Amino acid sequence: MNATEPNATGPGAPTPDALLDVGDARCGELALLLKRELSRLQPGQVLQVVARDAAAPEDVPAWCELTGHPLLGSEHPRYWIRRKDS
């Protein structure tokens, strides 16, 4: 579970500024990891998240809606989140 170099895949995938692979992290741990990694980015930058937990397709969009960080796209297990303006 660490940030590494960006690696966008698929046609039309947003170009990420950072990549966070959270493996099988569940909701609570996932939320903490997303918050920590997005706080390291500048507003407007994109985080690509790899989340393999079966609940991620519901958890990631719900977290984005609660926090105001736009979910730009998803293709489980990959999610692209733009850091909101401060």
C-alpha atoms as a PDB file:
ATOM      1  CA  MET A   1       0.000   0.000   0.000  1.00  0.00           C
ATOM      2  CA  ASN A   2       2.127   2.827  -1.258  1.00  0.00           C
ATOM      3  CA  ALA A   3       2.181   5.568  -3.817  1.00  0.00           C
ATOM      4  CA  THR A   4       4.212   4.892  -6.909  1.00  0.00           C
ATOM      5  CA  GLU A   5       4.637   6.331 -10.368  1.00  0.00           C
ATOM      6  CA  PRO A   6       1.446   7.003 -12.335  1.00  0.00           C
ATOM      7  CA  ASN A   7       0.239   4.386 -14.804  1.00  0.00           C
ATOM      8  CA  ALA A   8      -3.016   5.187 -16.598  1.00  0.00           C
ATOM      9  CA  THR A   9      -4.538   2.396 -18.642  1.00  0.00           C
ATOM     10  CA  GLY A  10      -7.318   2.146 -21.160  1.00  0.00           C
ATOM     11  CA  PRO A  11      -8.618   4.617 -23.699  1.00  0.00           C
ATOM     12  CA  GLY A  12      -9.842   7.840 -22.178  1.00  0.00           C
ATOM     13  CA  ALA A  13      -8.372   7.115 -18.741  1.00  0.00           C
ATOM     14  CA  PRO A  14      -7.386  10.339 -16.989  1.00  0.00           C
ATOM     15  CA  THR A  15      -3.632  10.813 -16.717  1.00  0.00           C
ATOM     16  CA  PRO A  16      -2.832  10.432 -13.020  1.00  0.00           C
ATOM     17  CA  ASP A  17      -0.299  12.459 -11.072  1.00  0.00           C
ATOM     18  CA  ALA A  18       0.097   9.660  -8.513  1.00  0.00           C
ATOM     19  CA  LEU A  19      -0.879   6.023  -8.036  1.00  0.00           C
ATOM     20  CA  LEU A  20      -2.049   4.450  -4.784  1.00  0.00           C
ATOM     21  CA  ASP A  21      -2.427   0.670  -4.590  1.00  0.00           C
ATOM     22  CA  VAL A  22      -4.473  -0.129  -1.486  1.00  0.00           C
ATOM     23  CA  GLY A  23      -4.764  -3.845  -2.224  1.00  0.00           C
ATOM     24  CA  ASP A  24      -7.685  -5.388  -0.350  1.00  0.00           C
ATOM     25  CA  ALA A  25      -8.089  -2.530   2.164  1.00  0.00           C
ATOM     26  CA  ARG A  26     -11.637  -2.248   3.452  1.00  0.00           C
ATOM     27  CA  CYS A  27     -13.780   0.832   3.943  1.00  0.00           C
ATOM     28  CA  GLY A  28     -12.214   2.367   7.072  1.00  0.00           C
ATOM     29  CA  GLU A  29      -8.615   1.776   6.084  1.00  0.00           C
ATOM     30  CA  LEU A  30      -9.388   2.748   2.487  1.00  0.00           C
ATOM     31  CA  ALA A  31     -10.836   6.087   3.616  1.00  0.00           C
ATOM     32  CA  LEU A  32      -7.749   6.891   5.693  1.00  0.00           C
ATOM     33  CA  LEU A  33      -5.377   5.984   2.864  1.00  0.00           C
ATOM     34  CA  LEU A  34      -7.329   8.063   0.335  1.00  0.00           C
ATOM     35  CA  LYS A  35      -7.371  11.077   2.639  1.00  0.00           C
ATOM     36  CA  ARG A  36      -3.632  10.833   3.330  1.00  0.00           C
ATOM     37  CA  GLU A  37      -2.617  10.421  -0.299  1.00  0.00           C
ATOM     38  CA  LEU A  38      -4.920  13.141  -1.664  1.00  0.00           C
ATOM     39  CA  SER A  39      -3.594  15.566   0.959  1.00  0.00           C
ATOM     40  CA  ARG A  40      -0.167  15.163  -0.657  1.00  0.00           C
ATOM     41  CA  LEU A  41      -1.451  16.307  -4.042  1.00  0.00           C
ATOM     42  CA  GLN A  42      -2.149  19.823  -5.256  1.00  0.00           C
ATOM     43  CA  PRO A  43      -5.765  20.828  -5.977  1.00  0.00           C
ATOM     44  CA  GLY A  44      -6.715  19.609  -9.446  1.00  0.00           C
ATOM     45  CA  GLN A  45      -4.201  16.770  -9.527  1.00  0.00           C
ATOM     46  CA  VAL A  46      -5.437  13.229 -10.193  1.00  0.00           C
ATOM     47  CA  LEU A  47      -4.887  10.154  -8.028  1.00  0.00           C
ATOM     48  CA  GLN A  48      -5.288   6.734  -9.593  1.00  0.00           C
ATOM     49  CA  VAL A  49      -6.342   4.214  -6.949  1.00  0.00           C
ATOM     50  CA  VAL A  50      -6.153   0.451  -7.268  1.00  0.00           C
ATOM     51  CA  ALA A  51      -8.616  -1.073  -4.772  1.00  0.00           C
ATOM     52  CA  ARG A  52      -9.314  -4.797  -5.062  1.00  0.00           C
ATOM     53  CA  ASP A  53     -11.842  -5.180  -2.224  1.00  0.00           C
ATOM     54  CA  ALA A  54     -15.246  -6.349  -3.497  1.00  0.00           C
ATOM     55  CA  ALA A  55     -16.947  -3.357  -1.813  1.00  0.00           C
ATOM     56  CA  ALA A  56     -14.693  -0.772  -3.508  1.00  0.00           C
ATOM     57  CA  PRO A  57     -17.163  -0.091  -6.363  1.00  0.00           C
ATOM     58  CA  GLU A  58     -19.558   1.258  -3.729  1.00  0.00           C
ATOM     59  CA  ASP A  59     -17.048   2.574  -1.171  1.00  0.00           C
ATOM     60  CA  VAL A  60     -14.882   4.734  -3.436  1.00  0.00           C
ATOM     61  CA  PRO A  61     -17.758   6.693  -5.063  1.00  0.00           C
ATOM     62  CA  ALA A  62     -19.447   7.135  -1.663  1.00  0.00           C
ATOM     63  CA  TRP A  63     -16.202   8.465  -0.133  1.00  0.00           C
ATOM     64  CA  CYS A  64     -15.767  10.861  -3.047  1.00  0.00           C
ATOM     65  CA  GLU A  65     -19.298  12.177  -2.648  1.00  0.00           C
ATOM     66  CA  LEU A  66     -18.865  12.652   1.107  1.00  0.00           C
ATOM     67  CA  THR A  67     -15.537  14.471   0.762  1.00  0.00           C
ATOM     68  CA  GLY A  68     -16.197  16.462  -2.416  1.00  0.00           C
ATOM     69  CA  HIS A  69     -13.281  14.990  -4.378  1.00  0.00           C
ATOM     70  CA  PRO A  70     -14.614  14.290  -7.895  1.00  0.00           C
ATOM     71  CA  LEU A  71     -14.505  10.694  -9.091  1.00  0.00           C
ATOM     72  CA  LEU A  72     -13.428  11.086 -12.715  1.00  0.00           C
ATOM     73  CA  GLY A  73     -13.900   7.479 -13.695  1.00  0.00           C
ATOM     74  CA  SER A  74     -13.719   3.909 -12.560  1.00  0.00           C
ATOM     75  CA  GLU A  75     -13.032   0.504 -13.989  1.00  0.00           C
ATOM     76  CA  HIS A  76     -12.768  -1.840 -11.009  1.00  0.00           C
ATOM     77  CA  PRO A  77     -10.214  -2.190  -9.527  1.00  0.00           C
ATOM     78  CA  ARG A  78      -9.016   1.216 -10.846  1.00  0.00           C
ATOM     79  CA  TYR A  79     -10.481   4.574  -9.808  1.00  0.00           C
ATOM     80  CA  TRP A  80      -9.437   8.111 -10.807  1.00  0.00           C
ATOM     81  CA  ILE A  81     -10.036  10.854  -8.241  1.00  0.00           C
ATOM     82  CA  ARG A  82      -9.286  14.565  -8.723  1.00  0.00           C
ATOM     83  CA  ARG A  83      -8.249  16.480  -5.617  1.00  0.00           C
ATOM     84  CA  LYS A  84     -10.827  19.175  -4.969  1.00  0.00           C
ATOM     85  CA  ASP A  85      -9.942  22.832  -4.660  1.00  0.00           C
ATOM     86  CA  SER A  86      -9.164  23.757  -1.077  1.00  0.00           C
END
